[in-house]
Amino acid sequence: TAHSGLDLTRAALSLSGSAGASHSQLQALTGQSAAALQKQLVQLSSQGEAICWRKEGRMWTSSLHFEALIRACLDRAAALHAKNPLKPSLPSGALCAGWSDKLPQRLVARVLEAAQKKGLLVAEGDGLRLASHKVTLASDQEGLSRKLLEAHTSAGLTPPNLKDVLEELGVSSKEAAPVLRLLCEQKKLVRVKDGLYYSNEAVEEILDKVRLWFSDHEDLDVGGLKEILGLSRKYLIALLEFMDREKITVRVGDARQYRGR
């Protein structure tokens, strides 16, 4: 009967495993005519139980086996992302290693296609990534370091408020702290006070101007520093206190004297 034929075909597909079977192999397994088998495969396909993954050569696999391959592929992607959180995507060779061993190339390609059609995998650059995988600036310390340095270097003598920079980058001050510390250790940024960082070049420029001022002035006050740098008071006070701390100047009354450095 047609029904037992359908069961036979279903069982044959199940037994064929992940790699599935060709029309002629299924015919040999079920002992049915080519026409009867074709009719059953079309029926199983329309019920979502079988997949023809290669029209030439008429290759079939059961949907359960096919879904299992998609899951194995996604598990592999998740493991690779966890290992390399800063890599935006995975080369398909690495992504297919393991689960695709001994499988025909065309079937592997179909699994990747199906995962993309379902929106589970996304093409990115030369590779693929899980739809849920995003490289954030917080996890990408190199990227964050570059962005923080850019924000401060481009601002010259009037560096931005750190809070504004972090807000724009979508990073918390806790996430940024180790990166800022490293930038200061690398002598790329200089912490002038809490939340106020200057690029190293800017500090060098300021100190050169201050040394020049002291070559023909006894002392330096806020007015004098404004004359040299033309900055607003909030920067000037912070810079004077910074120079005191760094023992470049010493405070005498309202003014500073040069300690030399």
Protein backbone atom coordinates (compact mmCIF):
# COMPACT_ATOMS: atom_id res chain seq x y z
CA THR A 1 0.00 0.00 0.00
CA ALA A 2 0.96 3.59 -0.48
CA HIS A 3 1.00 4.15 3.26
CA SER A 4 3.46 1.37 4.03
CA GLY A 5 5.54 2.61 1.09
CA LEU A 6 5.69 6.03 2.72
CA ASP A 7 6.78 4.46 6.01
CA LEU A 8 9.45 2.47 4.19
CA THR A 9 10.82 5.61 2.53
CA ARG A 10 10.72 7.50 5.83
CA ALA A 11 12.65 4.65 7.52
CA ALA A 12 15.15 4.46 4.67
CA LEU A 13 15.86 8.20 4.96
CA SER A 14 16.25 7.89 8.70
CA LEU A 15 18.72 5.02 8.30
CA SER A 16 20.72 6.92 5.69
CA GLY A 17 21.97 9.33 8.39
CA SER A 18 23.24 12.87 7.96
CA ALA A 19 24.63 12.37 4.48
CA GLY A 20 21.27 11.09 3.21
CA ALA A 21 20.92 8.98 0.09
CA SER A 22 20.39 9.26 -3.63
CA HIS A 23 17.14 8.37 -5.35
CA SER A 24 18.68 5.12 -6.64
CA GLN A 25 20.03 4.17 -3.20
CA LEU A 26 16.59 4.75 -1.67
CA GLN A 27 15.04 2.67 -4.43
CA ALA A 28 17.39 -0.21 -3.60
CA LEU A 29 16.66 0.18 0.15
CA THR A 30 12.87 0.24 -0.24
CA GLY A 31 12.50 -2.10 -3.22
CA GLN A 32 10.02 0.28 -4.85
CA SER A 33 9.60 1.51 -8.38
CA ALA A 34 11.24 4.80 -9.25
CA ALA A 35 7.85 6.44 -9.87
CA ALA A 36 6.31 5.26 -6.56
CA LEU A 37 9.40 6.39 -4.63
CA GLN A 38 9.42 9.78 -6.34
CA LYS A 39 5.77 10.32 -5.37
CA GLN A 40 6.52 9.48 -1.73
CA LEU A 41 9.57 11.73 -1.58
CA VAL A 42 7.52 14.63 -2.96
CA GLN A 43 4.87 13.95 -0.30
CA LEU A 44 7.42 13.78 2.52
CA SER A 45 9.01 16.95 1.22
CA SER A 46 5.68 18.81 1.20
CA GLN A 47 5.06 17.62 4.79
CA GLY A 48 8.44 19.05 5.81
CA GLU A 49 9.92 15.64 6.59
CA ALA A 50 12.47 15.32 3.79
CA ILE A 51 14.76 17.66 1.92
CA CYS A 52 16.18 17.32 -1.55
CA TRP A 53 19.58 18.93 -1.05
CA ARG A 54 20.82 18.31 -4.54
CA LYS A 55 18.60 18.35 -7.61
CA GLU A 56 21.26 16.73 -9.82
CA GLY A 57 21.75 13.20 -8.61
CA ARG A 58 18.51 13.64 -6.64
CA MET A 59 20.05 13.53 -3.18
CA TRP A 60 17.71 13.40 -0.18
CA THR A 61 18.02 13.58 3.58
CA SER A 62 15.45 13.52 6.37
CA SER A 63 14.55 16.92 7.83
CA LEU A 64 15.47 15.70 11.31
CA HIS A 65 19.02 14.91 10.19
CA PHE A 66 19.23 18.21 8.31
CA GLU A 67 18.05 20.23 11.34
CA ALA A 68 20.61 18.42 13.49
CA LEU A 69 23.34 19.54 11.08
CA ILE A 70 22.16 23.16 11.34
CA ARG A 71 22.28 22.90 15.15
CA ALA A 72 25.78 21.41 15.05
CA CYS A 73 26.90 24.25 12.80
CA LEU A 74 25.45 26.88 15.17
CA ASP A 75 27.06 25.18 18.19
CA ARG A 76 30.40 25.29 16.41
CA ALA A 77 29.90 28.99 15.62
CA ALA A 78 29.04 29.76 19.26
CA ALA A 79 32.17 27.96 20.47
CA LEU A 80 34.40 29.86 18.01
CA HIS A 81 32.83 33.23 18.91
CA ALA A 82 33.42 32.53 22.60
CA LYS A 83 37.07 31.79 21.82
CA ASN A 84 37.56 34.89 19.64
CA PRO A 85 35.04 37.50 20.81
CA LEU A 86 36.79 40.26 18.84
CA LYS A 87 36.62 38.53 15.48
CA PRO A 88 33.59 39.91 13.64
CA SER A 89 33.12 36.74 11.56
CA LEU A 90 34.31 33.18 11.05
CA PRO A 91 35.84 31.68 7.91
CA SER A 92 33.58 28.93 6.63
CA GLY A 93 36.41 26.39 6.83
CA ALA A 94 36.69 26.87 10.58
CA LEU A 95 32.92 27.05 10.95
CA CYS A 96 32.40 23.70 9.20
CA ALA A 97 35.25 21.83 10.88
CA GLY A 98 34.05 18.84 12.87
CA TRP A 99 30.37 18.47 12.15
CA SER A 100 30.81 18.39 8.37
CA ASP A 101 33.47 15.63 8.28
CA LYS A 102 32.65 12.99 5.67
CA LEU A 103 29.68 15.00 4.37
CA PRO A 104 29.40 15.97 0.69
CA GLN A 105 30.39 19.61 0.04
CA ARG A 106 27.03 20.40 -1.54
CA LEU A 107 25.16 19.27 1.59
CA VAL A 108 27.42 21.38 3.81
CA ALA A 109 26.76 24.37 1.55
CA ARG A 110 23.02 23.73 1.81
CA VAL A 111 23.23 23.67 5.63
CA LEU A 112 24.98 27.07 5.62
CA GLU A 113 22.41 28.43 3.15
CA ALA A 114 19.51 27.18 5.27
CA ALA A 115 20.98 28.69 8.46
CA GLN A 116 21.27 32.04 6.66
CA LYS A 117 17.75 31.82 5.22
CA LYS A 118 16.44 31.25 8.74
CA GLY A 119 18.37 34.34 9.88
CA LEU A 120 20.54 32.33 12.29
CA LEU A 121 23.79 32.95 10.46
CA VAL A 122 24.69 36.26 8.83
CA ALA A 123 27.32 36.98 6.18
CA GLU A 124 29.91 39.45 7.47
CA GLY A 125 33.05 40.41 5.53
CA ASP A 126 34.55 37.23 4.08
CA GLY A 127 32.89 34.95 6.60
CA LEU A 128 29.78 34.18 8.59
CA ARG A 129 28.72 34.95 12.13
CA LEU A 130 25.88 34.06 14.45
CA ALA A 131 23.13 36.65 14.10
CA SER A 132 23.50 37.33 17.83
CA HIS A 133 27.28 37.95 17.69
CA LYS A 134 28.27 41.59 17.90
CA VAL A 135 31.72 42.94 18.56
CA THR A 136 31.10 45.73 21.06
CA LEU A 137 33.62 48.45 21.81
CA ALA A 138 33.66 47.30 25.44
CA SER A 139 34.90 43.86 24.38
CA ASP A 140 37.13 45.29 21.66
CA GLN A 141 39.77 46.97 23.81
CA GLU A 142 41.99 47.80 20.84
CA GLY A 143 39.13 49.54 19.08
CA LEU A 144 38.15 51.38 22.25
CA SER A 145 41.75 52.44 22.82
CA ARG A 146 41.95 53.82 19.27
CA LYS A 147 38.66 55.73 19.62
CA LEU A 148 39.60 57.24 23.00
CA LEU A 149 42.98 58.33 21.68
CA GLU A 150 41.39 59.85 18.55
CA ALA A 151 38.86 61.81 20.60
CA HIS A 152 41.62 63.33 22.73
CA THR A 153 44.24 63.86 20.05
CA SER A 154 41.88 65.61 17.65
CA ALA A 155 40.78 67.98 20.41
CA GLY A 156 44.28 69.39 20.96
CA LEU A 157 44.50 71.79 23.91
CA THR A 158 40.78 71.62 24.73
CA PRO A 159 40.19 67.93 25.42
CA PRO A 160 36.63 66.68 25.66
CA ASN A 161 34.77 65.81 28.82
CA LEU A 162 35.45 62.10 29.26
CA LYS A 163 31.86 61.43 30.30
CA ASP A 164 30.62 62.80 26.95
CA VAL A 165 33.13 60.73 24.99
CA LEU A 166 32.15 57.51 26.75
CA GLU A 167 28.45 58.24 26.30
CA GLU A 168 28.98 58.72 22.59
CA LEU A 169 30.91 55.43 22.38
CA GLY A 170 28.31 53.59 24.47
CA VAL A 171 30.90 52.47 27.03
CA SER A 172 30.74 52.73 30.82
CA SER A 173 33.55 54.37 32.78
CA LYS A 174 34.21 51.00 34.43
CA GLU A 175 34.77 49.40 31.01
CA ALA A 176 36.97 52.30 29.90
CA ALA A 177 39.12 52.47 33.06
CA PRO A 178 41.65 49.72 32.19
CA VAL A 179 42.00 51.07 28.64
CA LEU A 180 42.64 54.62 29.89
CA ARG A 181 45.14 53.32 32.43
CA LEU A 182 47.02 51.51 29.67
CA LEU A 183 47.00 54.61 27.42
CA CYS A 184 48.56 56.59 30.27
CA GLU A 185 51.16 53.86 30.92
CA GLN A 186 52.00 53.89 27.21
CA LYS A 187 52.48 57.68 27.50
CA LYS A 188 49.83 58.31 24.85
CA LEU A 189 47.44 60.12 27.20
CA VAL A 190 48.12 62.15 30.34
CA ARG A 191 45.61 62.30 33.17
CA VAL A 192 45.43 65.97 34.16
CA LYS A 193 42.62 65.38 36.64
CA ASP A 194 39.65 63.08 37.09
CA GLY A 195 37.74 62.91 33.82
CA LEU A 196 40.22 65.18 32.04
CA TYR A 197 42.88 63.59 29.84
CA TYR A 198 45.22 65.33 27.45
CA SER A 199 47.05 63.72 24.57
CA ASN A 200 50.77 63.42 25.24
CA GLU A 201 51.55 65.82 22.36
CA ALA A 202 49.25 68.47 23.82
CA VAL A 203 50.95 68.26 27.24
CA GLU A 204 54.40 68.53 25.61
CA GLU A 205 53.23 71.61 23.72
CA ILE A 206 51.83 73.21 26.90
CA LEU A 207 55.00 72.51 28.91
CA ASP A 208 57.19 73.93 26.12
CA LYS A 209 55.16 77.15 26.22
CA VAL A 210 55.35 77.26 30.02
CA ARG A 211 59.16 76.81 29.98
CA LEU A 212 59.42 79.59 27.43
CA TRP A 213 57.30 81.86 29.66
CA PHE A 214 59.57 81.20 32.64
CA SER A 215 62.66 82.10 30.60
CA ASP A 216 61.70 85.76 31.07
CA HIS A 217 59.07 85.77 33.87
CA GLU A 218 59.51 85.19 37.58
CA ASP A 219 56.11 83.59 38.10
CA LEU A 220 52.97 82.37 36.38
CA ASP A 221 49.33 82.81 37.40
CA VAL A 222 45.97 82.00 35.80
CA GLY A 223 46.10 85.21 33.75
CA GLY A 224 49.58 84.41 32.48
CA LEU A 225 48.64 80.88 31.50
CA LYS A 226 45.56 82.22 29.71
CA GLU A 227 47.82 84.57 27.79
CA ILE A 228 50.01 81.63 26.71
CA LEU A 229 47.30 79.09 25.93
CA GLY A 230 44.11 81.07 25.39
CA LEU A 231 42.04 78.44 27.17
CA SER A 232 39.03 78.80 29.45
CA ARG A 233 39.49 78.91 33.22
CA LYS A 234 38.42 75.29 33.90
CA TYR A 235 41.33 74.00 31.81
CA LEU A 236 43.81 76.55 33.22
CA ILE A 237 43.16 75.70 36.89
CA ALA A 238 43.39 71.96 36.16
CA LEU A 239 46.67 72.45 34.27
CA LEU A 240 48.24 74.59 37.01
CA GLU A 241 47.34 71.98 39.63
CA PHE A 242 48.68 69.26 37.36
CA MET A 243 52.04 71.07 36.99
CA ASP A 244 52.26 71.48 40.76
CA ARG A 245 51.59 67.77 41.20
CA GLU A 246 54.21 66.87 38.63
CA LYS A 247 56.67 69.18 40.43
CA ILE A 248 57.17 71.35 37.33
CA THR A 249 55.92 74.38 39.22
CA VAL A 250 55.54 75.23 42.90
CA ARG A 251 52.74 77.36 44.25
CA VAL A 252 53.72 80.61 45.94
CA GLY A 253 50.67 82.64 47.01
CA ASP A 254 48.38 82.92 43.98
CA ALA A 255 51.16 82.35 41.49
CA ARG A 256 53.48 79.52 40.44
CA GLN A 257 57.26 79.49 40.24
CA TYR A 258 59.25 77.20 37.99
CA ARG A 259 60.96 74.21 39.60
CA GLY A 260 62.52 73.23 36.31
CA ARG A 261 62.07 70.02 34.31
